[in-house]
Amino acid sequence: CDGGEGALGHPRVWLTIPQDTGFVECGYCDKRYEIDRAHAQDDH
């Protein structure tokens, strides 16, 4: 998560999406990142 940049943002963090849930939420801003399983390939 890039933190939104600017003075009100948070530090940039790298998140790993677990395969069992298919999503992860940023611990700072609660932004949710999901795997698009229709377009996912191997580990990318």
PDB file of N, CA and C in Angstrom:
ATOM      1  N   CYS A   1       0.866  -1.163   0.000  1.00  0.00           N
ATOM      2  CA  CYS A   1       0.000   0.000   0.000  1.00  0.00           C
ATOM      3  C   CYS A   1       0.912   1.224   0.000  1.00  0.00           C
ATOM      4  N   ASP A   2       0.648   2.165  -0.877  1.00  0.00           N
ATOM      5  CA  ASP A   2       1.546   3.321  -0.997  1.00  0.00           C
ATOM      6  C   ASP A   2       1.316   4.395   0.055  1.00  0.00           C
ATOM      7  N   GLY A   3       0.305   4.250   0.866  1.00  0.00           N
ATOM      8  CA  GLY A   3       0.095   5.188   1.964  1.00  0.00           C
ATOM      9  C   GLY A   3      -0.625   6.462   1.603  1.00  0.00           C
ATOM     10  N   GLY A   4      -1.007   6.613   0.358  1.00  0.00           N
ATOM     11  CA  GLY A   4      -1.736   7.813  -0.036  1.00  0.00           C
ATOM     12  C   GLY A   4      -0.849   9.019  -0.249  1.00  0.00           C
ATOM     13  N   GLU A   5       0.436   8.878   0.031  1.00  0.00           N
ATOM     14  CA  GLU A   5       1.403   9.960  -0.136  1.00  0.00           C
ATOM     15  C   GLU A   5       0.985  11.216   0.617  1.00  0.00           C
ATOM     16  N   GLY A   6       1.774  12.230   0.546  1.00  0.00           N
ATOM     17  CA  GLY A   6       1.467  13.488   1.220  1.00  0.00           C
ATOM     18  C   GLY A   6       1.632  13.411   2.726  1.00  0.00           C
ATOM     19  N   ALA A   7       1.363  14.525   3.379  1.00  0.00           N
ATOM     20  CA  ALA A   7       1.567  14.644   4.824  1.00  0.00           C
ATOM     21  C   ALA A   7       0.604  13.787   5.643  1.00  0.00           C
ATOM     22  N   LEU A   8      -0.555  13.484   5.108  1.00  0.00           N
ATOM     23  CA  LEU A   8      -1.547  12.723   5.862  1.00  0.00           C
ATOM     24  C   LEU A   8      -1.505  11.221   5.575  1.00  0.00           C
ATOM     25  N   GLY A   9      -0.580  10.794   4.746  1.00  0.00           N
ATOM     26  CA  GLY A   9      -0.481   9.382   4.397  1.00  0.00           C
ATOM     27  C   GLY A   9       0.228   8.574   5.475  1.00  0.00           C
ATOM     28  N   HIS A  10       0.490   7.304   5.171  1.00  0.00           N
ATOM     29  CA  HIS A  10       1.228   6.433   6.079  1.00  0.00           C
ATOM     30  C   HIS A  10       2.430   5.862   5.343  1.00  0.00           C
ATOM     31  N   PRO A  11       3.360   5.213   6.042  1.00  0.00           N
ATOM     32  CA  PRO A  11       4.527   4.645   5.368  1.00  0.00           C
ATOM     33  C   PRO A  11       4.106   3.599   4.340  1.00  0.00           C
ATOM     34  N   ARG A  12       4.866   3.492   3.254  1.00  0.00           N
ATOM     35  CA  ARG A  12       4.604   2.461   2.252  1.00  0.00           C
ATOM     36  C   ARG A  12       4.884   1.095   2.870  1.00  0.00           C
ATOM     37  N   VAL A  13       3.963   0.169   2.689  1.00  0.00           N
ATOM     38  CA  VAL A  13       4.122  -1.187   3.208  1.00  0.00           C
ATOM     39  C   VAL A  13       3.865  -2.188   2.091  1.00  0.00           C
ATOM     40  N   TRP A  14       4.565  -3.326   2.160  1.00  0.00           N
ATOM     41  CA  TRP A  14       4.386  -4.414   1.205  1.00  0.00           C
ATOM     42  C   TRP A  14       3.522  -5.471   1.862  1.00  0.00           C
ATOM     43  N   LEU A  15       2.483  -5.896   1.168  1.00  0.00           N
ATOM     44  CA  LEU A  15       1.526  -6.843   1.711  1.00  0.00           C
ATOM     45  C   LEU A  15       1.543  -8.131   0.894  1.00  0.00           C
ATOM     46  N   THR A  16       1.295  -9.245   1.554  1.00  0.00           N
ATOM     47  CA  THR A  16       1.201 -10.539   0.889  1.00  0.00           C
ATOM     48  C   THR A  16      -0.240 -11.021   0.979  1.00  0.00           C
ATOM     49  N   ILE A  17      -0.809 -11.368  -0.169  1.00  0.00           N
ATOM     50  CA  ILE A  17      -2.188 -11.849  -0.192  1.00  0.00           C
ATOM     51  C   ILE A  17      -2.178 -13.364  -0.006  1.00  0.00           C
ATOM     52  N   PRO A  18      -2.755 -13.858   1.098  1.00  0.00           N
ATOM     53  CA  PRO A  18      -2.817 -15.304   1.316  1.00  0.00           C
ATOM     54  C   PRO A  18      -3.718 -15.964   0.265  1.00  0.00           C
ATOM     55  N   GLN A  19      -3.294 -17.116  -0.239  1.00  0.00           N
ATOM     56  CA  GLN A  19      -4.090 -17.800  -1.257  1.00  0.00           C
ATOM     57  C   GLN A  19      -5.416 -18.301  -0.707  1.00  0.00           C
ATOM     58  N   ASP A  20      -5.459 -18.661   0.574  1.00  0.00           N
ATOM     59  CA  ASP A  20      -6.699 -19.225   1.120  1.00  0.00           C
ATOM     60  C   ASP A  20      -7.819 -18.189   1.231  1.00  0.00           C
ATOM     61  N   THR A  21      -7.475 -16.930   1.526  1.00  0.00           N
ATOM     62  CA  THR A  21      -8.513 -15.902   1.638  1.00  0.00           C
ATOM     63  C   THR A  21      -8.678 -15.124   0.342  1.00  0.00           C
ATOM     64  N   GLY A  22      -7.575 -14.926  -0.392  1.00  0.00           N
ATOM     65  CA  GLY A  22      -7.635 -14.181  -1.645  1.00  0.00           C
ATOM     66  C   GLY A  22      -7.628 -12.672  -1.478  1.00  0.00           C
ATOM     67  N   PHE A  23      -7.426 -12.188  -0.241  1.00  0.00           N
ATOM     68  CA  PHE A  23      -7.378 -10.744  -0.021  1.00  0.00           C
ATOM     69  C   PHE A  23      -6.532 -10.431   1.207  1.00  0.00           C
ATOM     70  N   VAL A  24      -6.120  -9.172   1.300  1.00  0.00           N
ATOM     71  CA  VAL A  24      -5.414  -8.665   2.473  1.00  0.00           C
ATOM     72  C   VAL A  24      -5.825  -7.209   2.651  1.00  0.00           C
ATOM     73  N   GLU A  25      -5.854  -6.752   3.894  1.00  0.00           N
ATOM     74  CA  GLU A  25      -6.177  -5.359   4.186  1.00  0.00           C
ATOM     75  C   GLU A  25      -4.959  -4.673   4.788  1.00  0.00           C
ATOM     76  N   CYS A  26      -4.739  -3.433   4.392  1.00  0.00           N
ATOM     77  CA  CYS A  26      -3.641  -2.641   4.937  1.00  0.00           C
ATOM     78  C   CYS A  26      -3.912  -2.380   6.417  1.00  0.00           C
ATOM     79  N   GLY A  27      -2.911  -2.598   7.244  1.00  0.00           N
ATOM     80  CA  GLY A  27      -3.048  -2.385   8.678  1.00  0.00           C
ATOM     81  C   GLY A  27      -3.128  -0.919   9.079  1.00  0.00           C
ATOM     82  N   TYR A  28      -2.744  -0.026   8.164  1.00  0.00           N
ATOM     83  CA  TYR A  28      -2.803   1.407   8.459  1.00  0.00           C
ATOM     84  C   TYR A  28      -4.132   2.028   8.038  1.00  0.00           C
ATOM     85  N   CYS A  29      -4.536   1.779   6.800  1.00  0.00           N
ATOM     86  CA  CYS A  29      -5.703   2.498   6.264  1.00  0.00           C
ATOM     87  C   CYS A  29      -6.885   1.591   5.932  1.00  0.00           C
ATOM     88  N   ASP A  30      -6.734   0.288   6.151  1.00  0.00           N
ATOM     89  CA  ASP A  30      -7.798  -0.693   5.902  1.00  0.00           C
ATOM     90  C   ASP A  30      -8.171  -0.849   4.429  1.00  0.00           C
ATOM     91  N   LYS A  31      -7.340  -0.331   3.519  1.00  0.00           N
ATOM     92  CA  LYS A  31      -7.600  -0.549   2.101  1.00  0.00           C
ATOM     93  C   LYS A  31      -7.487  -2.042   1.822  1.00  0.00           C
ATOM     94  N   ARG A  32      -8.401  -2.578   1.017  1.00  0.00           N
ATOM     95  CA  ARG A  32      -8.449  -4.015   0.752  1.00  0.00           C
ATOM     96  C   ARG A  32      -7.900  -4.302  -0.642  1.00  0.00           C
ATOM     97  N   TYR A  33      -7.008  -5.295  -0.724  1.00  0.00           N
ATOM     98  CA  TYR A  33      -6.435  -5.750  -1.983  1.00  0.00           C
ATOM     99  C   TYR A  33      -6.881  -7.185  -2.203  1.00  0.00           C
ATOM    100  N   GLU A  34      -7.457  -7.459  -3.386  1.00  0.00           N
ATOM    101  CA  GLU A  34      -7.990  -8.783  -3.688  1.00  0.00           C
ATOM    102  C   GLU A  34      -7.330  -9.360  -4.930  1.00  0.00           C
ATOM    103  N   ILE A  35      -7.216 -10.695  -4.955  1.00  0.00           N
ATOM    104  CA  ILE A  35      -6.716 -11.401  -6.130  1.00  0.00           C
ATOM    105  C   ILE A  35      -7.865 -11.534  -7.125  1.00  0.00           C
ATOM    106  N   ASP A  36      -7.620 -11.161  -8.365  1.00  0.00           N
ATOM    107  CA  ASP A  36      -8.576 -11.416  -9.438  1.00  0.00           C
ATOM    108  C   ASP A  36      -8.238 -12.802  -9.980  1.00  0.00           C
ATOM    109  N   ARG A  37      -8.874 -13.808  -9.430  1.00  0.00           N
ATOM    110  CA  ARG A  37      -8.532 -15.199  -9.756  1.00  0.00           C
ATOM    111  C   ARG A  37      -8.707 -15.523 -11.240  1.00  0.00           C
ATOM    112  N   ALA A  38      -9.543 -14.805 -11.935  1.00  0.00           N
ATOM    113  CA  ALA A  38      -9.740 -15.043 -13.362  1.00  0.00           C
ATOM    114  C   ALA A  38      -8.506 -14.656 -14.175  1.00  0.00           C
ATOM    115  N   HIS A  39      -7.682 -13.766 -13.632  1.00  0.00           N
ATOM    116  CA  HIS A  39      -6.500 -13.300 -14.353  1.00  0.00           C
ATOM    117  C   HIS A  39      -5.186 -13.626 -13.648  1.00  0.00           C
ATOM    118  N   ALA A  40      -5.252 -14.299 -12.513  1.00  0.00           N
ATOM    119  CA  ALA A  40      -4.035 -14.639 -11.765  1.00  0.00           C
ATOM    120  C   ALA A  40      -3.317 -15.805 -12.438  1.00  0.00           C
ATOM    121  N   GLN A  41      -1.981 -15.734 -12.424  1.00  0.00           N
ATOM    122  CA  GLN A  41      -1.158 -16.797 -12.987  1.00  0.00           C
ATOM    123  C   GLN A  41      -0.058 -17.131 -12.005  1.00  0.00           C
ATOM    124  N   ASP A  42       0.038 -18.386 -11.601  1.00  0.00           N
ATOM    125  CA  ASP A  42       1.079 -18.861 -10.697  1.00  0.00           C
ATOM    126  C   ASP A  42       1.242 -17.925  -9.503  1.00  0.00           C
ATOM    127  N   ASP A  43       2.457 -17.376  -9.313  1.00  0.00           N
ATOM    128  CA  ASP A  43       2.753 -16.519  -8.171  1.00  0.00           C
ATOM    129  C   ASP A  43       2.666 -15.039  -8.506  1.00  0.00           C
ATOM    130  N   HIS A  44       2.085 -14.678  -9.633  1.00  0.00           N
ATOM    131  CA  HIS A  44       2.050 -13.272 -10.047  1.00  0.00           C
ATOM    132  C   HIS A  44       0.639 -12.774 -10.103  1.00  0.00           C
TER     133      HIS A  44
END
